[in-house]
Amino acid sequence: MLELARTGSSYPAPSVSTTDRAPTPALVVGLARGSAEIEAVQRLRYDVFSQDLGAVFPANAWGLDQDRYDRWCEHVIVRESNEGRIVGTYRILTPERARLAGGYYTESEFDISALAALRTGLIEVGRSCVHADYRQGAAIMLLWNGVADIMRRGGYRYVLGCASVSLRDDGICAAEVWRQVSGHLDDTGVPRVHPIHRYPVERLAHTLPAKVPPLIKGYLKLGARVCGEPAWDPDFNTADMPVLLDVCKMDARYQRHLKLDYTPRLPVQVVP
């Protein structure tokens, strides 16, 4: 594993949901290297997605969540510094690797033609998951340190991702998330993408109590905007919200702490 950072620094975490619990081991973030670490990432994803989201995997998955994009991605991992157990991961698809992969994963769920002018400066983040014992903030912030390192190295400006909301509660949480973020679609200057299989979130009751998932809270605290209506992912049993982050417009505190206060390279403008 290529180490990028470890716990111990003083910075604000995007997710601030904390509870009284026993001390957890120190954590370190880096990039997965070799087939064994990639398989450990895929096993963690399988466990978290099947337990938390009710994701349905093929019978021959053998306890692994894997798809054709994995081979083209950088896999940011957070592991315990003592035992070495991987407890968090994010996968990153750069624009250069996306061209080799035939596109971004997001394009399997959304029409992102409105982002054509941004593609050379846009990375995709996805398959985010953190072990249940480590969701109190530090692991998520370390994952973002890993994402930020890749962004600095490439001079990228934009981050695109699908923020998944589980539908195991009959869509109550998805309705609450949509209530809070639907106004983003009216923001000027935010390109709008369109779901291929739209999830009818407006039909769901949004008066029942529900909590916004920590990952989406983190995106919003960083300054990301929801840039389209949700898509339905039947395999993962989720409503997926398309999220776009512009480094030049993100929250100044996180921009400084993640060292993203640089001048990104300009994307090539596509003329219709």
Protein backbone atom coordinates (compact mmCIF):
# COMPACT_ATOMS: atom_id res chain seq x y z
CA MET A 1 0.00 0.00 0.00
CA LEU A 2 1.22 3.50 -0.88
CA GLU A 3 0.65 5.57 2.28
CA LEU A 4 -0.78 9.06 1.90
CA ALA A 5 -1.80 10.17 5.41
CA ARG A 6 -2.77 8.86 8.85
CA THR A 7 -4.97 9.87 11.74
CA GLY A 8 -3.63 12.37 14.24
CA SER A 9 -3.94 15.62 12.27
CA SER A 10 -6.39 18.28 13.42
CA TYR A 11 -8.96 18.91 10.73
CA PRO A 12 -12.74 19.04 10.61
CA ALA A 13 -14.48 15.90 9.38
CA PRO A 14 -17.28 16.26 6.82
CA SER A 15 -19.38 13.82 8.80
CA VAL A 16 -19.73 14.72 12.48
CA SER A 17 -21.98 11.96 13.75
CA THR A 18 -20.29 10.76 16.94
CA THR A 19 -21.31 8.43 19.75
CA ASP A 20 -19.67 7.21 22.95
CA ARG A 21 -17.63 4.15 22.05
CA ALA A 22 -14.40 2.36 22.87
CA PRO A 23 -11.20 3.83 21.39
CA THR A 24 -10.47 2.60 17.89
CA PRO A 25 -7.03 1.84 16.44
CA ALA A 26 -5.11 4.50 14.53
CA LEU A 27 -5.83 4.55 10.83
CA VAL A 28 -3.72 5.12 7.75
CA VAL A 29 -4.81 5.92 4.19
CA GLY A 30 -3.12 4.94 0.96
CA LEU A 31 -3.62 3.33 -2.43
CA ALA A 32 -4.25 -0.37 -2.91
CA ARG A 33 -1.40 -2.21 -4.58
CA GLY A 34 -1.56 -5.75 -5.90
CA SER A 35 -4.32 -8.30 -6.38
CA ALA A 36 -4.54 -9.23 -2.68
CA GLU A 37 -5.38 -5.67 -1.61
CA ILE A 38 -7.85 -5.22 -4.48
CA GLU A 39 -9.60 -8.45 -3.45
CA ALA A 40 -9.75 -7.24 0.18
CA VAL A 41 -11.40 -4.04 -1.08
CA GLN A 42 -13.94 -6.01 -3.10
CA ARG A 43 -14.71 -8.23 -0.11
CA LEU A 44 -15.28 -5.21 2.15
CA ARG A 45 -17.60 -3.68 -0.45
CA TYR A 46 -19.55 -6.93 -0.75
CA ASP A 47 -20.02 -7.17 3.02
CA VAL A 48 -21.04 -3.54 3.51
CA PHE A 49 -23.32 -3.28 0.49
CA SER A 50 -25.12 -6.57 1.13
CA GLN A 51 -25.66 -5.79 4.82
CA ASP A 52 -26.41 -2.05 4.63
CA LEU A 53 -28.12 -1.74 1.26
CA GLY A 54 -29.50 -5.22 0.71
CA ALA A 55 -27.56 -5.41 -2.55
CA VAL A 56 -28.16 -8.56 -4.58
CA PHE A 57 -25.03 -10.13 -6.05
CA PRO A 58 -24.81 -13.01 -8.53
CA ALA A 59 -24.48 -16.49 -7.04
CA ASN A 60 -20.97 -16.74 -8.46
CA ALA A 61 -19.73 -13.51 -6.82
CA TRP A 62 -17.87 -15.55 -4.15
CA GLY A 63 -18.21 -12.78 -1.57
CA LEU A 64 -16.71 -10.10 -3.83
CA ASP A 65 -18.20 -6.91 -5.30
CA GLN A 66 -16.40 -6.47 -8.60
CA ASP A 67 -17.14 -5.03 -12.02
CA ARG A 68 -15.34 -4.11 -15.20
CA TYR A 69 -14.35 -0.65 -13.93
CA ASP A 70 -12.21 -1.90 -11.04
CA ARG A 71 -9.20 -2.61 -13.22
CA TRP A 72 -9.11 0.98 -14.48
CA CYS A 73 -9.50 2.65 -11.08
CA GLU A 74 -7.22 3.77 -8.28
CA HIS A 75 -8.51 2.30 -5.01
CA VAL A 76 -8.08 4.53 -1.98
CA ILE A 77 -8.06 2.44 1.18
CA VAL A 78 -8.10 3.15 4.91
CA ARG A 79 -6.66 0.45 7.12
CA GLU A 80 -5.92 -0.11 10.79
CA SER A 81 -2.29 0.74 11.43
CA ASN A 82 -1.80 -2.17 13.84
CA GLU A 83 -3.68 -5.11 12.30
CA GLY A 84 -3.62 -3.87 8.71
CA ARG A 85 -7.32 -4.63 8.22
CA ILE A 86 -8.92 -2.54 5.45
CA VAL A 87 -11.92 -0.67 6.92
CA GLY A 88 -12.74 1.88 4.24
CA THR A 89 -12.41 2.41 0.53
CA TYR A 90 -13.18 4.72 -2.39
CA ARG A 91 -12.42 4.06 -6.01
CA ILE A 92 -11.28 6.82 -8.35
CA LEU A 93 -11.59 6.89 -12.12
CA THR A 94 -9.54 9.65 -13.75
CA PRO A 95 -10.52 11.11 -17.14
CA GLU A 96 -7.52 9.48 -18.76
CA ARG A 97 -8.46 6.04 -17.43
CA ALA A 98 -12.15 6.62 -18.16
CA ARG A 99 -11.31 6.94 -21.83
CA LEU A 100 -9.59 3.56 -21.71
CA ALA A 101 -12.54 2.07 -19.79
CA GLY A 102 -15.02 3.34 -22.37
CA GLY A 103 -16.56 5.93 -20.05
CA TYR A 104 -17.40 6.57 -16.42
CA TYR A 105 -19.47 4.19 -14.31
CA THR A 106 -21.93 7.07 -13.80
CA GLU A 107 -22.80 6.83 -17.49
CA SER A 108 -24.43 3.45 -16.85
CA GLU A 109 -27.05 5.32 -14.78
CA PHE A 110 -27.14 8.85 -16.16
CA ASP A 111 -26.90 10.81 -19.37
CA ILE A 112 -23.97 13.11 -18.51
CA SER A 113 -23.65 14.82 -21.89
CA ALA A 114 -24.11 18.17 -20.12
CA LEU A 115 -20.67 17.59 -18.53
CA ALA A 116 -18.87 17.19 -21.86
CA ALA A 117 -16.92 20.43 -21.46
CA LEU A 118 -15.69 19.34 -18.01
CA ARG A 119 -14.53 15.80 -18.74
CA THR A 120 -10.79 16.44 -19.04
CA GLY A 121 -10.79 17.95 -15.56
CA LEU A 122 -13.26 15.55 -13.94
CA ILE A 123 -12.59 12.50 -11.78
CA GLU A 124 -15.27 10.04 -10.73
CA VAL A 125 -15.52 8.74 -7.18
CA GLY A 126 -17.57 5.69 -6.31
CA ARG A 127 -18.05 2.46 -4.41
CA SER A 128 -17.53 4.34 -1.15
CA CYS A 129 -17.90 2.23 1.97
CA VAL A 130 -16.65 2.21 5.55
CA HIS A 131 -16.85 -0.62 8.06
CA ALA A 132 -19.60 -0.04 10.64
CA ASP A 133 -17.02 0.32 13.45
CA TYR A 134 -15.36 3.32 11.76
CA ARG A 135 -18.16 5.66 10.69
CA GLN A 136 -17.53 8.38 13.24
CA GLY A 137 -15.74 10.76 10.87
CA ALA A 138 -11.99 10.07 10.81
CA ALA A 139 -12.11 7.28 8.22
CA ILE A 140 -14.25 9.34 5.86
CA MET A 141 -11.88 12.29 6.16
CA LEU A 142 -8.88 10.08 5.47
CA LEU A 143 -10.58 8.74 2.35
CA TRP A 144 -11.01 12.31 1.17
CA ASN A 145 -7.30 12.92 1.83
CA GLY A 146 -6.63 10.10 -0.62
CA VAL A 147 -9.04 11.56 -3.18
CA ALA A 148 -7.44 15.00 -2.73
CA ASP A 149 -3.96 13.60 -3.37
CA ILE A 150 -5.07 12.19 -6.72
CA MET A 151 -6.75 15.48 -7.60
CA ARG A 152 -3.62 17.50 -6.81
CA ARG A 153 -1.39 15.19 -8.84
CA GLY A 154 -3.65 15.50 -11.89
CA GLY A 155 -4.64 19.13 -11.42
CA TYR A 156 -8.31 18.12 -11.68
CA ARG A 157 -11.12 20.50 -10.84
CA TYR A 158 -14.33 18.44 -10.67
CA VAL A 159 -15.50 15.38 -8.75
CA LEU A 160 -18.49 13.37 -9.96
CA GLY A 161 -20.19 10.59 -8.06
CA CYS A 162 -23.44 8.76 -7.35
CA ALA A 163 -24.54 9.11 -3.73
CA SER A 164 -26.62 6.03 -3.00
CA VAL A 165 -29.57 6.02 -0.60
CA SER A 166 -30.88 2.64 0.51
CA LEU A 167 -34.50 1.79 -0.29
CA ARG A 168 -34.80 -0.86 2.41
CA ASP A 169 -37.03 1.55 4.39
CA ASP A 170 -39.47 1.83 1.47
CA GLY A 171 -37.83 5.07 0.35
CA ILE A 172 -38.38 7.16 3.49
CA CYS A 173 -34.72 8.20 3.68
CA ALA A 174 -34.53 8.82 -0.07
CA ALA A 175 -37.55 11.13 0.17
CA GLU A 176 -35.92 13.12 2.98
CA VAL A 177 -32.65 13.45 1.09
CA TRP A 178 -34.51 14.62 -2.01
CA ARG A 179 -36.48 17.16 0.03
CA GLN A 180 -33.22 18.67 1.25
CA VAL A 181 -31.29 18.70 -2.03
CA SER A 182 -33.87 19.08 -4.82
CA GLY A 183 -33.38 22.84 -4.76
CA HIS A 184 -29.86 22.32 -6.11
CA LEU A 185 -31.34 21.73 -9.56
CA ASP A 186 -32.27 25.41 -9.70
CA ASP A 187 -28.69 26.56 -8.98
CA THR A 188 -27.25 28.54 -11.84
CA GLY A 189 -23.96 27.29 -13.20
CA VAL A 190 -24.53 23.65 -12.18
CA PRO A 191 -24.86 21.38 -15.26
CA ARG A 192 -27.81 19.01 -15.09
CA VAL A 193 -27.59 15.30 -15.83
CA HIS A 194 -30.53 12.99 -16.42
CA PRO A 195 -31.23 9.49 -15.04
CA ILE A 196 -31.63 6.65 -17.49
CA HIS A 197 -34.04 4.86 -15.14
CA ARG A 198 -35.55 7.60 -13.01
CA TYR A 199 -36.65 6.78 -9.47
CA PRO A 200 -40.06 8.40 -8.71
CA VAL A 201 -38.95 9.88 -5.42
CA GLU A 202 -41.70 12.53 -5.45
CA ARG A 203 -44.28 9.78 -4.85
CA LEU A 204 -42.72 8.87 -1.51
CA ALA A 205 -43.89 10.21 1.83
CA HIS A 206 -41.36 12.73 3.13
CA THR A 207 -43.08 13.61 6.39
CA LEU A 208 -41.79 10.58 8.27
CA PRO A 209 -38.59 11.02 10.33
CA ALA A 210 -35.40 10.03 8.52
CA LYS A 211 -31.69 10.77 8.70
CA VAL A 212 -29.53 11.82 5.78
CA PRO A 213 -26.73 9.24 5.30
CA PRO A 214 -23.27 10.38 6.50
CA LEU A 215 -21.75 10.11 3.01
CA ILE A 216 -24.28 12.55 1.54
CA LYS A 217 -23.86 14.87 4.54
CA GLY A 218 -20.14 14.81 3.83
CA TYR A 219 -20.63 15.72 0.18
CA LEU A 220 -22.87 18.65 1.10
CA LYS A 221 -20.48 19.94 3.78
CA LEU A 222 -17.67 19.93 1.23
CA GLY A 223 -19.80 22.08 -1.07
CA ALA A 224 -21.00 19.50 -3.60
CA ARG A 225 -24.30 19.97 -5.42
CA VAL A 226 -26.84 17.41 -6.56
CA CYS A 227 -27.00 17.87 -10.34
CA GLY A 228 -29.93 15.70 -11.39
CA GLU A 229 -32.90 13.60 -10.33
CA PRO A 230 -32.22 10.19 -8.76
CA ALA A 231 -31.73 7.01 -10.74
CA TRP A 232 -32.94 3.60 -9.61
CA ASP A 233 -30.35 0.89 -9.11
CA PRO A 234 -32.32 -2.37 -8.66
CA ASP A 235 -29.23 -4.52 -8.00
CA PHE A 236 -28.10 -2.38 -5.06
CA ASN A 237 -31.68 -1.48 -4.06
CA THR A 238 -30.83 2.23 -3.98
CA ALA A 239 -31.87 5.61 -5.28
CA ASP A 240 -28.68 7.17 -6.66
CA MET A 241 -28.26 10.95 -6.53
CA PRO A 242 -25.75 12.43 -9.02
CA VAL A 243 -23.35 14.73 -7.15
CA LEU A 244 -20.87 17.23 -8.62
CA LEU A 245 -18.15 19.03 -6.68
CA ASP A 246 -16.22 21.99 -8.09
CA VAL A 247 -12.94 22.36 -6.18
CA CYS A 248 -12.94 26.09 -6.89
CA LYS A 249 -16.31 26.46 -5.14
CA MET A 250 -15.95 24.05 -2.24
CA ASP A 251 -16.10 25.05 1.43
CA ALA A 252 -12.94 27.05 2.19
CA ARG A 253 -12.16 25.15 5.41
CA TYR A 254 -12.05 21.78 3.70
CA GLN A 255 -10.29 23.24 0.69
CA ARG A 256 -7.42 24.35 2.96
CA HIS A 257 -7.28 21.19 5.07
CA LEU A 258 -7.33 18.93 2.02
CA LYS A 259 -4.76 21.18 0.30
CA LEU A 260 -7.08 21.70 -2.65
CA ASP A 261 -6.49 25.46 -2.76
CA TYR A 262 -4.59 25.21 -6.04
CA THR A 263 -5.29 26.43 -9.55
CA PRO A 264 -6.72 23.46 -11.47
CA ARG A 265 -5.86 22.86 -15.07
CA LEU A 266 -8.59 24.15 -17.35
CA PRO A 267 -10.77 21.57 -19.07
CA VAL A 268 -10.83 21.58 -22.84
CA GLN A 269 -13.97 23.34 -24.02
CA VAL A 270 -16.07 21.23 -26.37
CA VAL A 271 -17.66 23.24 -29.18
CA PRO A 272 -21.03 21.81 -30.35
